[in-house]
């Protein structure tokens, strides 16, 4: 009963509170990161990409730009370690996960939740559509079990010549299992645990 109430009302309230506080507290970091991105390479500060949201509804996901302009047009949608398309400041932002901070805007707008399965591009959703029929019954999130487990995703993909194939065959199935685990367990305490685990992982890295 409590979990049902949390899923329907509490989770959205938590998202609003965290996103507003986060955006206010992190505003100085947004400014500094924005300046560093502009100094490091030509192009916009933010990168946006269409992702698949709840009930297969597409939305624009926002990140700090970590790659050269047009990178998605000259290479795969996923990246491996030492991808030449990644900028110098981009490598730091990716390692520390600071590139994900603009997604607090996505959370505030209601496209995403703080905790939930990571949103994918349509290509990968279509590759595992039967699984995603269950996964997209809730909003995607900034972090979850899979995001914590695969902080070294780019290093894993480095061993593949075809990284799209490696992602679909090795990483995505494991992520899907973790997504399903979260959806079955979702509660206020689980969300607090995942947020704490994520912060610990980021600080440790």
N, C-alpha and C. Protein backbone atom coordinates (compact mmCIF):
# COMPACT_ATOMS: atom_id res chain seq x y z
N UNK A 1 0.83 -1.21 0.00
CA UNK A 1 0.00 0.00 0.00
C UNK A 1 0.87 1.26 0.00
N UNK A 2 1.89 1.28 0.89
CA UNK A 2 2.79 2.43 0.97
C UNK A 2 3.57 2.61 -0.33
N UNK A 3 4.06 1.49 -0.88
CA UNK A 3 4.81 1.56 -2.13
C UNK A 3 3.94 2.06 -3.28
N UNK A 4 2.68 1.64 -3.29
CA UNK A 4 1.75 2.07 -4.33
C UNK A 4 1.53 3.58 -4.25
N UNK A 5 1.38 4.10 -3.04
CA UNK A 5 1.20 5.54 -2.84
C UNK A 5 2.46 6.29 -3.28
N UNK A 6 3.62 5.73 -2.94
CA UNK A 6 4.87 6.37 -3.30
C UNK A 6 5.03 6.42 -4.82
N UNK A 7 4.73 5.32 -5.49
CA UNK A 7 4.86 5.28 -6.95
C UNK A 7 3.96 6.31 -7.61
N UNK A 8 2.76 6.49 -7.07
CA UNK A 8 1.78 7.37 -7.72
C UNK A 8 2.01 8.84 -7.38
N UNK A 9 2.36 9.13 -6.13
CA UNK A 9 2.45 10.54 -5.71
C UNK A 9 3.83 10.92 -5.15
N UNK A 10 4.36 10.08 -4.28
CA UNK A 10 5.59 10.42 -3.57
C UNK A 10 6.81 10.55 -4.47
N UNK A 11 6.90 9.69 -5.46
CA UNK A 11 8.07 9.69 -6.33
C UNK A 11 8.17 11.00 -7.12
N UNK A 12 7.05 11.48 -7.62
CA UNK A 12 7.05 12.74 -8.37
C UNK A 12 7.38 13.91 -7.44
N UNK A 13 6.87 13.88 -6.22
CA UNK A 13 7.16 14.95 -5.26
C UNK A 13 8.65 14.96 -4.94
N UNK A 14 9.22 13.78 -4.75
CA UNK A 14 10.66 13.67 -4.48
C UNK A 14 11.46 14.21 -5.66
N UNK A 15 11.04 13.89 -6.87
CA UNK A 15 11.72 14.37 -8.08
C UNK A 15 11.73 15.90 -8.14
N UNK A 16 10.60 16.51 -7.85
CA UNK A 16 10.49 17.97 -7.91
C UNK A 16 11.40 18.62 -6.88
N UNK A 17 11.36 18.09 -5.65
CA UNK A 17 12.18 18.66 -4.57
C UNK A 17 13.66 18.54 -4.89
N UNK A 18 14.10 17.34 -5.29
CA UNK A 18 15.52 17.11 -5.57
C UNK A 18 15.98 17.93 -6.77
N UNK A 19 15.18 17.99 -7.82
CA UNK A 19 15.60 18.72 -9.02
C UNK A 19 15.70 20.22 -8.76
N UNK A 20 14.77 20.79 -8.01
CA UNK A 20 14.81 22.22 -7.71
C UNK A 20 16.02 22.54 -6.82
N UNK A 21 16.19 21.77 -5.76
CA UNK A 21 17.34 21.99 -4.87
C UNK A 21 18.64 21.79 -5.63
N UNK A 22 18.69 20.72 -6.43
CA UNK A 22 19.90 20.42 -7.19
C UNK A 22 20.26 21.53 -8.16
N UNK A 23 19.29 22.05 -8.87
CA UNK A 23 19.55 23.11 -9.85
C UNK A 23 20.02 24.40 -9.18
N UNK A 24 19.46 24.70 -8.02
CA UNK A 24 19.86 25.90 -7.29
C UNK A 24 21.28 25.75 -6.74
N UNK A 25 21.54 24.63 -6.07
CA UNK A 25 22.84 24.40 -5.45
C UNK A 25 23.96 24.26 -6.48
N UNK A 26 23.63 23.61 -7.60
CA UNK A 26 24.65 23.32 -8.60
C UNK A 26 24.82 24.40 -9.66
N UNK A 27 24.07 25.49 -9.55
CA UNK A 27 24.15 26.56 -10.55
C UNK A 27 25.59 27.04 -10.79
N UNK A 28 26.39 27.26 -9.74
CA UNK A 28 27.79 27.68 -9.98
C UNK A 28 28.57 26.66 -10.81
N UNK A 29 28.32 25.36 -10.57
CA UNK A 29 29.01 24.32 -11.34
C UNK A 29 28.56 24.35 -12.79
N UNK A 30 27.28 24.62 -13.03
CA UNK A 30 26.78 24.72 -14.39
C UNK A 30 27.52 25.83 -15.14
N UNK A 31 27.72 26.95 -14.48
CA UNK A 31 28.39 28.09 -15.11
C UNK A 31 29.85 27.75 -15.44
N UNK A 32 30.55 27.18 -14.46
CA UNK A 32 31.96 26.82 -14.65
C UNK A 32 32.11 25.78 -15.75
N UNK A 33 31.28 24.75 -15.71
CA UNK A 33 31.35 23.70 -16.73
C UNK A 33 31.04 24.27 -18.11
N UNK A 34 30.05 25.15 -18.18
CA UNK A 34 29.71 25.77 -19.45
C UNK A 34 30.87 26.54 -20.05
N UNK A 35 31.57 27.30 -19.22
CA UNK A 35 32.73 28.06 -19.68
C UNK A 35 33.83 27.13 -20.17
N UNK A 36 34.10 26.06 -19.42
CA UNK A 36 35.14 25.11 -19.80
C UNK A 36 34.84 24.43 -21.13
N UNK A 37 33.57 24.10 -21.34
CA UNK A 37 33.17 23.46 -22.60
C UNK A 37 33.40 24.40 -23.77
N UNK A 38 33.02 25.67 -23.61
CA UNK A 38 33.18 26.65 -24.69
C UNK A 38 34.65 26.93 -25.00
N UNK A 39 35.49 26.94 -23.96
CA UNK A 39 36.92 27.17 -24.16
C UNK A 39 37.58 25.97 -24.82
N UNK A 40 37.11 24.77 -24.47
CA UNK A 40 37.74 23.54 -24.95
C UNK A 40 37.45 23.25 -26.42
N UNK A 41 36.24 23.52 -26.88
CA UNK A 41 35.88 23.17 -28.26
C UNK A 41 34.72 24.01 -28.76
N UNK A 42 34.60 24.10 -30.07
CA UNK A 42 33.51 24.86 -30.68
C UNK A 42 32.20 24.09 -30.57
N UNK A 43 31.14 24.83 -30.38
CA UNK A 43 29.83 24.19 -30.33
C UNK A 43 29.03 24.62 -29.12
N UNK A 44 27.81 24.13 -29.00
CA UNK A 44 26.94 24.50 -27.88
C UNK A 44 27.40 23.87 -26.56
N UNK A 45 26.93 24.42 -25.47
CA UNK A 45 27.26 23.88 -24.15
C UNK A 45 26.49 22.59 -23.89
N UNK A 46 25.24 22.59 -24.29
CA UNK A 46 24.39 21.43 -24.05
C UNK A 46 24.24 20.56 -25.29
N UNK A 47 24.07 19.29 -25.06
CA UNK A 47 23.80 18.33 -26.13
C UNK A 47 22.41 17.78 -25.85
N UNK A 48 21.59 17.68 -26.87
CA UNK A 48 20.28 17.07 -26.68
C UNK A 48 20.09 15.95 -27.68
N UNK A 49 19.36 14.94 -27.25
CA UNK A 49 19.15 13.77 -28.10
C UNK A 49 17.78 13.18 -27.78
N UNK A 50 17.11 12.70 -28.80
CA UNK A 50 15.79 12.09 -28.58
C UNK A 50 15.96 10.72 -27.93
N UNK A 51 15.31 10.52 -26.81
CA UNK A 51 15.29 9.23 -26.12
C UNK A 51 13.86 8.76 -25.97
N UNK A 52 13.69 7.48 -25.68
CA UNK A 52 12.36 6.90 -25.51
C UNK A 52 11.98 6.96 -24.04
N UNK A 53 10.86 7.59 -23.75
CA UNK A 53 10.41 7.75 -22.37
C UNK A 53 9.27 6.81 -22.01
N UNK A 54 8.58 7.15 -20.95
CA UNK A 54 7.47 6.34 -20.46
C UNK A 54 6.42 6.15 -21.55
N UNK A 55 5.94 4.90 -21.65
CA UNK A 55 4.93 4.55 -22.66
C UNK A 55 5.38 4.82 -24.09
N UNK A 56 6.69 4.69 -24.32
CA UNK A 56 7.31 4.87 -25.65
C UNK A 56 7.20 6.31 -26.16
N UNK A 57 6.96 7.26 -25.26
CA UNK A 57 6.86 8.66 -25.66
C UNK A 57 8.27 9.25 -25.79
N UNK A 58 8.62 9.79 -26.97
CA UNK A 58 9.96 10.37 -27.14
C UNK A 58 10.09 11.72 -26.44
N UNK A 59 11.30 12.03 -26.02
CA UNK A 59 11.57 13.33 -25.41
C UNK A 59 13.03 13.70 -25.64
N UNK A 60 13.34 14.96 -25.49
CA UNK A 60 14.73 15.42 -25.63
C UNK A 60 15.44 15.30 -24.29
N UNK A 61 16.50 14.48 -24.25
CA UNK A 61 17.34 14.35 -23.07
C UNK A 61 18.49 15.34 -23.19
N UNK A 62 18.80 16.02 -22.08
CA UNK A 62 19.87 17.02 -22.09
C UNK A 62 21.09 16.56 -21.30
N UNK A 63 22.26 16.85 -21.86
CA UNK A 63 23.53 16.60 -21.20
C UNK A 63 24.47 17.76 -21.52
N UNK A 64 25.53 17.88 -20.72
CA UNK A 64 26.59 18.77 -21.14
C UNK A 64 27.29 18.12 -22.32
N UNK A 65 27.61 18.91 -23.33
CA UNK A 65 28.25 18.35 -24.52
C UNK A 65 29.66 17.86 -24.17
N UNK A 66 29.94 16.60 -24.49
CA UNK A 66 31.25 16.01 -24.20
C UNK A 66 31.96 15.55 -25.46
N UNK A 67 31.33 15.75 -26.62
CA UNK A 67 31.90 15.29 -27.88
C UNK A 67 31.92 16.44 -28.89
N UNK A 68 32.65 16.25 -29.96
CA UNK A 68 32.68 17.26 -31.02
C UNK A 68 31.30 17.38 -31.64
N UNK A 69 31.01 18.51 -32.21
CA UNK A 69 29.71 18.73 -32.85
C UNK A 69 29.52 17.74 -33.99
N UNK A 70 28.34 17.11 -34.05
CA UNK A 70 28.05 16.15 -35.11
C UNK A 70 28.63 14.77 -34.88
N UNK A 71 29.07 14.49 -33.65
CA UNK A 71 29.68 13.19 -33.35
C UNK A 71 28.74 12.03 -33.62
N UNK A 72 27.45 12.25 -33.37
CA UNK A 72 26.47 11.18 -33.58
C UNK A 72 26.25 10.89 -35.05
N UNK A 73 26.75 11.78 -35.92
CA UNK A 73 26.58 11.57 -37.37
C UNK A 73 27.78 10.85 -37.99
N UNK A 74 28.88 10.78 -37.25
CA UNK A 74 30.10 10.18 -37.81
C UNK A 74 30.57 8.94 -37.04
N UNK A 75 29.70 8.40 -36.22
CA UNK A 75 30.09 7.22 -35.46
C UNK A 75 28.90 6.61 -34.76
N UNK A 76 29.11 5.52 -34.02
CA UNK A 76 28.03 4.83 -33.33
C UNK A 76 27.41 5.68 -32.22
N UNK A 77 26.22 5.28 -31.76
CA UNK A 77 25.50 6.03 -30.74
C UNK A 77 26.06 5.79 -29.34
N UNK A 78 26.81 4.71 -29.17
CA UNK A 78 27.50 4.46 -27.91
C UNK A 78 28.98 4.70 -28.13
N UNK A 79 29.72 4.89 -27.05
CA UNK A 79 31.14 5.21 -27.19
C UNK A 79 31.99 4.22 -26.42
N UNK A 80 33.23 4.06 -26.88
CA UNK A 80 34.20 3.24 -26.17
C UNK A 80 35.26 4.15 -25.54
N UNK A 81 36.07 3.57 -24.67
CA UNK A 81 37.12 4.33 -24.02
C UNK A 81 38.06 4.91 -25.09
N UNK A 82 38.47 6.14 -24.90
CA UNK A 82 39.38 6.85 -25.81
C UNK A 82 38.78 7.08 -27.19
N UNK A 83 37.46 7.20 -27.25
CA UNK A 83 36.81 7.56 -28.51
C UNK A 83 37.33 8.94 -28.93
N UNK A 84 37.87 9.07 -30.14
CA UNK A 84 38.45 10.35 -30.58
C UNK A 84 37.44 11.48 -30.69
N UNK A 85 36.16 11.15 -30.69
CA UNK A 85 35.13 12.18 -30.79
C UNK A 85 34.93 12.92 -29.47
N UNK A 86 35.41 12.35 -28.36
CA UNK A 86 35.23 12.95 -27.04
C UNK A 86 36.26 14.07 -26.83
N UNK A 87 35.81 15.20 -26.35
CA UNK A 87 36.69 16.33 -26.10
C UNK A 87 37.48 16.13 -24.81
N UNK A 88 38.48 17.00 -24.60
CA UNK A 88 39.30 16.87 -23.39
C UNK A 88 38.48 17.06 -22.12
N UNK A 89 37.71 18.14 -22.07
CA UNK A 89 36.87 18.36 -20.88
C UNK A 89 35.77 17.31 -20.83
N UNK A 90 35.37 16.82 -22.02
CA UNK A 90 34.34 15.79 -22.08
C UNK A 90 34.75 14.51 -21.37
N UNK A 91 36.02 14.14 -21.46
CA UNK A 91 36.50 12.93 -20.77
C UNK A 91 36.34 13.07 -19.26
N UNK A 92 36.67 14.25 -18.76
CA UNK A 92 36.53 14.49 -17.32
C UNK A 92 35.06 14.46 -16.91
N UNK A 93 34.21 15.11 -17.69
CA UNK A 93 32.79 15.16 -17.36
C UNK A 93 32.16 13.76 -17.37
N UNK A 94 32.60 12.93 -18.31
CA UNK A 94 32.07 11.57 -18.40
C UNK A 94 32.55 10.72 -17.22
N UNK A 95 33.82 10.84 -16.88
CA UNK A 95 34.36 10.04 -15.78
C UNK A 95 33.68 10.37 -14.46
N UNK A 96 33.38 11.64 -14.27
CA UNK A 96 32.77 12.09 -13.02
C UNK A 96 31.24 12.09 -13.08
N UNK A 97 30.69 11.82 -14.27
CA UNK A 97 29.25 11.82 -14.51
C UNK A 97 28.62 13.21 -14.39
N UNK A 98 29.45 14.25 -14.40
CA UNK A 98 28.93 15.61 -14.33
C UNK A 98 28.17 15.99 -15.60
N UNK A 99 28.43 15.27 -16.69
CA UNK A 99 27.72 15.56 -17.93
C UNK A 99 26.22 15.28 -17.82
N UNK A 100 25.82 14.49 -16.82
CA UNK A 100 24.42 14.13 -16.65
C UNK A 100 23.60 15.19 -15.90
N UNK A 101 24.27 16.17 -15.29
CA UNK A 101 23.57 17.14 -14.44
C UNK A 101 22.40 17.86 -15.11
N UNK A 102 22.50 18.26 -16.40
CA UNK A 102 21.37 18.94 -17.02
C UNK A 102 20.08 18.12 -17.06
N UNK A 103 20.18 16.84 -16.80
CA UNK A 103 18.97 16.01 -16.78
C UNK A 103 18.07 16.35 -15.59
N UNK A 104 18.58 17.16 -14.66
CA UNK A 104 17.72 17.65 -13.59
C UNK A 104 16.59 18.50 -14.20
N UNK A 105 16.86 19.16 -15.34
CA UNK A 105 15.80 19.88 -16.05
C UNK A 105 14.76 18.90 -16.59
N UNK A 106 15.22 17.76 -17.11
CA UNK A 106 14.30 16.73 -17.59
C UNK A 106 13.42 16.21 -16.46
N UNK A 107 14.01 16.08 -15.28
CA UNK A 107 13.26 15.61 -14.11
C UNK A 107 12.21 16.65 -13.72
N UNK A 108 12.62 17.90 -13.66
CA UNK A 108 11.69 18.97 -13.27
C UNK A 108 10.54 19.09 -14.26
N UNK A 109 10.82 18.89 -15.55
CA UNK A 109 9.79 18.98 -16.59
C UNK A 109 8.88 17.76 -16.60
N UNK A 110 9.29 16.69 -15.93
CA UNK A 110 8.45 15.51 -15.85
C UNK A 110 8.74 14.43 -16.86
N UNK A 111 9.77 14.61 -17.67
CA UNK A 111 10.13 13.59 -18.66
C UNK A 111 10.86 12.42 -18.00
N UNK A 112 11.57 12.73 -16.91
CA UNK A 112 12.37 11.72 -16.24
C UNK A 112 12.15 11.76 -14.73
N UNK A 113 12.69 10.75 -14.07
CA UNK A 113 12.69 10.71 -12.61
C UNK A 113 14.15 10.73 -12.17
N UNK A 114 14.41 11.03 -10.90
CA UNK A 114 15.79 10.98 -10.42
C UNK A 114 16.30 9.55 -10.49
N UNK A 115 15.47 8.61 -10.06
CA UNK A 115 15.84 7.19 -10.09
C UNK A 115 14.91 6.45 -11.02
N UNK A 116 15.49 5.67 -11.92
CA UNK A 116 14.69 4.89 -12.86
C UNK A 116 15.59 4.33 -13.94
N UNK A 117 15.09 3.42 -14.76
CA UNK A 117 15.89 2.85 -15.85
C UNK A 117 16.42 3.95 -16.78
N UNK A 118 17.67 3.85 -17.19
CA UNK A 118 18.24 4.87 -18.06
C UNK A 118 17.50 4.89 -19.40
N UNK A 119 17.18 6.08 -19.91
CA UNK A 119 16.47 6.18 -21.20
C UNK A 119 17.40 5.84 -22.36
N UNK A 120 16.89 5.09 -23.31
CA UNK A 120 17.68 4.68 -24.46
C UNK A 120 17.19 5.37 -25.73
N UNK A 121 18.03 5.33 -26.76
CA UNK A 121 17.62 5.81 -28.08
C UNK A 121 16.73 4.74 -28.70
N UNK A 122 15.96 5.14 -29.68
CA UNK A 122 14.96 4.23 -30.28
C UNK A 122 15.60 2.96 -30.85
N UNK A 123 16.80 3.08 -31.41
CA UNK A 123 17.47 1.94 -32.03
C UNK A 123 17.62 0.78 -31.07
N UNK A 124 18.04 1.06 -29.84
CA UNK A 124 18.28 0.00 -28.87
C UNK A 124 16.98 -0.48 -28.22
N UNK A 125 16.01 0.41 -28.10
CA UNK A 125 14.71 0.01 -27.59
C UNK A 125 14.04 -0.97 -28.55
N UNK A 126 14.15 -0.67 -29.85
CA UNK A 126 13.55 -1.55 -30.86
C UNK A 126 14.23 -2.93 -30.85
N UNK A 127 15.54 -2.96 -30.56
CA UNK A 127 16.26 -4.23 -30.54
C UNK A 127 15.78 -5.13 -29.41
N UNK A 128 15.22 -4.54 -28.35
CA UNK A 128 14.74 -5.31 -27.19
C UNK A 128 13.32 -4.86 -26.82
N UNK A 129 12.50 -4.71 -27.84
CA UNK A 129 11.19 -4.10 -27.64
C UNK A 129 10.30 -4.89 -26.67
N UNK A 130 10.35 -6.21 -26.72
CA UNK A 130 9.51 -7.01 -25.82
C UNK A 130 9.85 -6.71 -24.37
N UNK A 131 11.13 -6.57 -24.06
CA UNK A 131 11.54 -6.24 -22.69
C UNK A 131 11.12 -4.82 -22.33
N UNK A 132 11.24 -3.91 -23.28
CA UNK A 132 10.94 -2.51 -22.99
C UNK A 132 9.45 -2.24 -22.81
N UNK A 133 8.61 -3.15 -23.26
CA UNK A 133 7.18 -2.97 -23.00
C UNK A 133 6.90 -2.95 -21.51
N UNK A 134 7.74 -3.64 -20.75
CA UNK A 134 7.62 -3.65 -19.30
C UNK A 134 8.41 -2.49 -18.69
N UNK A 135 9.59 -2.25 -19.21
CA UNK A 135 10.48 -1.23 -18.64
C UNK A 135 9.90 0.17 -18.72
N UNK A 136 9.27 0.50 -19.86
CA UNK A 136 8.79 1.87 -20.03
C UNK A 136 7.42 2.11 -19.39
N UNK A 137 7.00 1.22 -18.49
CA UNK A 137 5.78 1.47 -17.72
C UNK A 137 6.04 2.52 -16.64
N UNK A 138 7.33 2.83 -16.40
CA UNK A 138 7.67 3.90 -15.47
C UNK A 138 8.59 4.89 -16.20
N UNK A 139 8.77 6.06 -15.61
CA UNK A 139 9.63 7.07 -16.23
C UNK A 139 11.09 6.62 -16.15
N UNK A 140 11.86 6.95 -17.18
CA UNK A 140 13.30 6.68 -17.11
C UNK A 140 13.94 7.60 -16.07
N UNK A 141 15.16 7.27 -15.65
CA UNK A 141 15.79 8.06 -14.60
C UNK A 141 17.22 8.46 -14.89
N UNK A 142 17.76 9.29 -14.01
CA UNK A 142 19.16 9.71 -14.12
C UNK A 142 20.07 8.58 -13.66
N UNK A 143 19.65 7.86 -12.62
CA UNK A 143 20.47 6.77 -12.10
C UNK A 143 19.61 5.59 -11.67
N UNK A 144 20.23 4.44 -11.60
CA UNK A 144 19.56 3.23 -11.13
C UNK A 144 20.64 2.17 -10.91
N UNK A 145 20.22 0.92 -10.67
CA UNK A 145 21.19 -0.15 -10.45
C UNK A 145 22.15 -0.29 -11.64
N UNK A 146 21.62 -0.20 -12.85
CA UNK A 146 22.43 -0.39 -14.05
C UNK A 146 23.45 0.73 -14.23
N UNK A 147 23.04 1.97 -13.94
CA UNK A 147 23.96 3.10 -14.07
C UNK A 147 25.13 2.95 -13.11
N UNK A 148 24.85 2.40 -11.93
CA UNK A 148 25.91 2.18 -10.94
C UNK A 148 26.81 1.02 -11.37
N UNK A 149 26.20 -0.03 -11.87
CA UNK A 149 26.94 -1.23 -12.28
C UNK A 149 27.83 -0.97 -13.48
N UNK A 150 27.37 -0.14 -14.40
CA UNK A 150 28.10 0.06 -15.66
C UNK A 150 28.74 1.44 -15.78
N UNK A 151 29.34 1.91 -14.71
CA UNK A 151 30.09 3.17 -14.79
C UNK A 151 31.32 3.01 -15.67
N UNK A 152 31.75 1.76 -15.88
CA UNK A 152 32.92 1.49 -16.74
C UNK A 152 32.51 0.96 -18.11
N UNK A 153 31.32 1.34 -18.56
CA UNK A 153 30.77 0.84 -19.82
C UNK A 153 31.70 1.08 -21.01
N UNK A 154 32.31 2.25 -21.07
CA UNK A 154 33.17 2.57 -22.21
C UNK A 154 34.40 1.68 -22.24
N UNK A 155 34.91 1.30 -21.06
CA UNK A 155 36.05 0.40 -21.01
C UNK A 155 35.67 -1.01 -21.48
N UNK A 156 34.46 -1.43 -21.13
CA UNK A 156 33.97 -2.75 -21.56
C UNK A 156 33.83 -2.79 -23.08
N UNK A 157 33.28 -1.72 -23.65
CA UNK A 157 33.04 -1.67 -25.09
C UNK A 157 34.34 -1.53 -25.89
N UNK A 158 35.41 -1.13 -25.23
CA UNK A 158 36.69 -0.93 -25.93
C UNK A 158 37.21 -2.22 -26.57
N UNK A 159 36.81 -3.37 -26.05
CA UNK A 159 37.31 -4.64 -26.58
C UNK A 159 36.56 -5.09 -27.84
N UNK A 160 35.48 -4.38 -28.19
CA UNK A 160 34.68 -4.77 -29.34
C UNK A 160 35.06 -3.95 -30.58
N UNK A 161 35.20 -4.62 -31.70
CA UNK A 161 35.42 -3.93 -32.96
C UNK A 161 34.14 -3.24 -33.38
N UNK A 162 33.01 -3.95 -33.22
CA UNK A 162 31.69 -3.37 -33.51
C UNK A 162 31.03 -3.09 -32.16
N UNK A 163 31.11 -1.84 -31.71
CA UNK A 163 30.62 -1.55 -30.36
C UNK A 163 29.09 -1.56 -30.27
N UNK A 164 28.40 -1.31 -31.39
CA UNK A 164 26.94 -1.44 -31.38
C UNK A 164 26.55 -2.87 -31.05
N UNK A 165 27.22 -3.80 -31.71
CA UNK A 165 26.94 -5.22 -31.49
C UNK A 165 27.29 -5.62 -30.06
N UNK A 166 28.42 -5.12 -29.56
CA UNK A 166 28.83 -5.42 -28.19
C UNK A 166 27.83 -4.90 -27.18
N UNK A 167 27.31 -3.70 -27.43
CA UNK A 167 26.36 -3.10 -26.51
C UNK A 167 25.05 -3.89 -26.48
N UNK A 168 24.55 -4.24 -27.66
CA UNK A 168 23.26 -4.95 -27.74
C UNK A 168 23.37 -6.38 -27.20
N UNK A 169 24.50 -7.03 -27.46
CA UNK A 169 24.63 -8.44 -27.07
C UNK A 169 25.11 -8.65 -25.63
N UNK A 170 26.00 -7.76 -25.14
CA UNK A 170 26.57 -7.99 -23.81
C UNK A 170 26.01 -7.06 -22.74
N UNK A 171 26.03 -5.78 -23.01
CA UNK A 171 25.68 -4.83 -21.96
C UNK A 171 24.17 -4.63 -21.79
N UNK A 172 23.45 -4.40 -22.88
CA UNK A 172 22.02 -4.10 -22.80
C UNK A 172 21.21 -5.20 -22.10
N UNK A 173 21.45 -6.48 -22.39
CA UNK A 173 20.68 -7.52 -21.68
C UNK A 173 20.89 -7.48 -20.16
N UNK A 174 22.11 -7.19 -19.73
CA UNK A 174 22.39 -7.10 -18.29
C UNK A 174 21.72 -5.88 -17.69
N UNK A 175 21.72 -4.79 -18.45
CA UNK A 175 21.04 -3.58 -17.98
C UNK A 175 19.54 -3.85 -17.83
N UNK A 176 18.97 -4.53 -18.79
CA UNK A 176 17.54 -4.81 -18.78
C UNK A 176 17.14 -5.60 -17.54
N UNK A 177 17.96 -6.57 -17.16
CA UNK A 177 17.68 -7.35 -15.95
C UNK A 177 17.69 -6.46 -14.72
N UNK A 178 18.63 -5.52 -14.67
CA UNK A 178 18.70 -4.59 -13.54
C UNK A 178 17.54 -3.60 -13.56
N UNK A 179 17.11 -3.20 -14.75
CA UNK A 179 15.94 -2.32 -14.86
C UNK A 179 14.71 -3.03 -14.29
N UNK A 180 14.53 -4.28 -14.67
CA UNK A 180 13.38 -5.05 -14.21
C UNK A 180 13.43 -5.25 -12.69
N UNK A 181 14.62 -5.45 -12.17
CA UNK A 181 14.78 -5.60 -10.71
C UNK A 181 14.33 -4.34 -10.00
N UNK A 182 14.75 -3.19 -10.53
CA UNK A 182 14.36 -1.93 -9.89
C UNK A 182 12.85 -1.73 -9.92
N UNK A 183 12.23 -1.97 -11.06
CA UNK A 183 10.78 -1.77 -11.20
C UNK A 183 10.01 -2.63 -10.21
N UNK A 184 10.51 -3.84 -9.95
CA UNK A 184 9.84 -4.73 -8.99
C UNK A 184 10.06 -4.29 -7.55
N UNK A 185 11.18 -3.59 -7.29
CA UNK A 185 11.53 -3.21 -5.92
C UNK A 185 11.19 -1.77 -5.57
N UNK A 186 10.84 -0.95 -6.55
CA UNK A 186 10.75 0.50 -6.36
C UNK A 186 9.99 0.89 -5.08
N UNK A 187 10.64 1.74 -4.29
CA UNK A 187 10.08 2.26 -3.06
C UNK A 187 10.92 3.47 -2.66
N UNK A 188 10.45 4.21 -1.67
CA UNK A 188 11.20 5.38 -1.21
C UNK A 188 12.58 4.96 -0.70
N UNK A 189 12.65 3.89 0.07
CA UNK A 189 13.92 3.46 0.65
C UNK A 189 14.88 2.97 -0.43
N UNK A 190 14.36 2.29 -1.43
CA UNK A 190 15.20 1.81 -2.53
C UNK A 190 15.76 3.01 -3.30
N UNK A 191 14.92 4.01 -3.55
CA UNK A 191 15.39 5.21 -4.26
C UNK A 191 16.48 5.92 -3.46
N UNK A 192 16.30 6.04 -2.15
CA UNK A 192 17.30 6.68 -1.30
C UNK A 192 18.61 5.89 -1.33
N UNK A 193 18.50 4.57 -1.33
CA UNK A 193 19.69 3.72 -1.36
C UNK A 193 20.44 3.90 -2.67
N UNK A 194 19.72 3.94 -3.79
CA UNK A 194 20.36 4.10 -5.11
C UNK A 194 21.01 5.47 -5.24
N UNK A 195 20.35 6.51 -4.75
CA UNK A 195 20.94 7.85 -4.79
C UNK A 195 22.23 7.89 -3.98
N UNK A 196 22.21 7.28 -2.79
CA UNK A 196 23.40 7.24 -1.94
C UNK A 196 24.52 6.45 -2.60
N UNK A 197 24.18 5.31 -3.21
CA UNK A 197 25.17 4.47 -3.90
C UNK A 197 25.79 5.22 -5.09
N UNK A 198 24.96 5.98 -5.78
CA UNK A 198 25.44 6.74 -6.94
C UNK A 198 26.42 7.82 -6.51
N UNK A 199 26.06 8.56 -5.46
CA UNK A 199 26.95 9.62 -4.96
C UNK A 199 28.28 9.03 -4.48
N UNK A 200 28.20 7.90 -3.80
CA UNK A 200 29.42 7.23 -3.33
C UNK A 200 30.32 6.82 -4.51
N UNK A 201 29.69 6.27 -5.54
CA UNK A 201 30.42 5.81 -6.72
C UNK A 201 31.10 6.98 -7.42
N UNK A 202 30.40 8.10 -7.53
CA UNK A 202 30.95 9.28 -8.20
C UNK A 202 32.13 9.83 -7.41
N UNK A 203 31.98 9.96 -6.09
CA UNK A 203 33.05 10.49 -5.24
C UNK A 203 34.25 9.57 -5.27
N UNK A 204 34.00 8.27 -5.26
CA UNK A 204 35.08 7.29 -5.29
C UNK A 204 35.89 7.39 -6.59
N UNK A 205 35.19 7.59 -7.72
CA UNK A 205 35.86 7.69 -9.02
C UNK A 205 36.67 8.98 -9.11
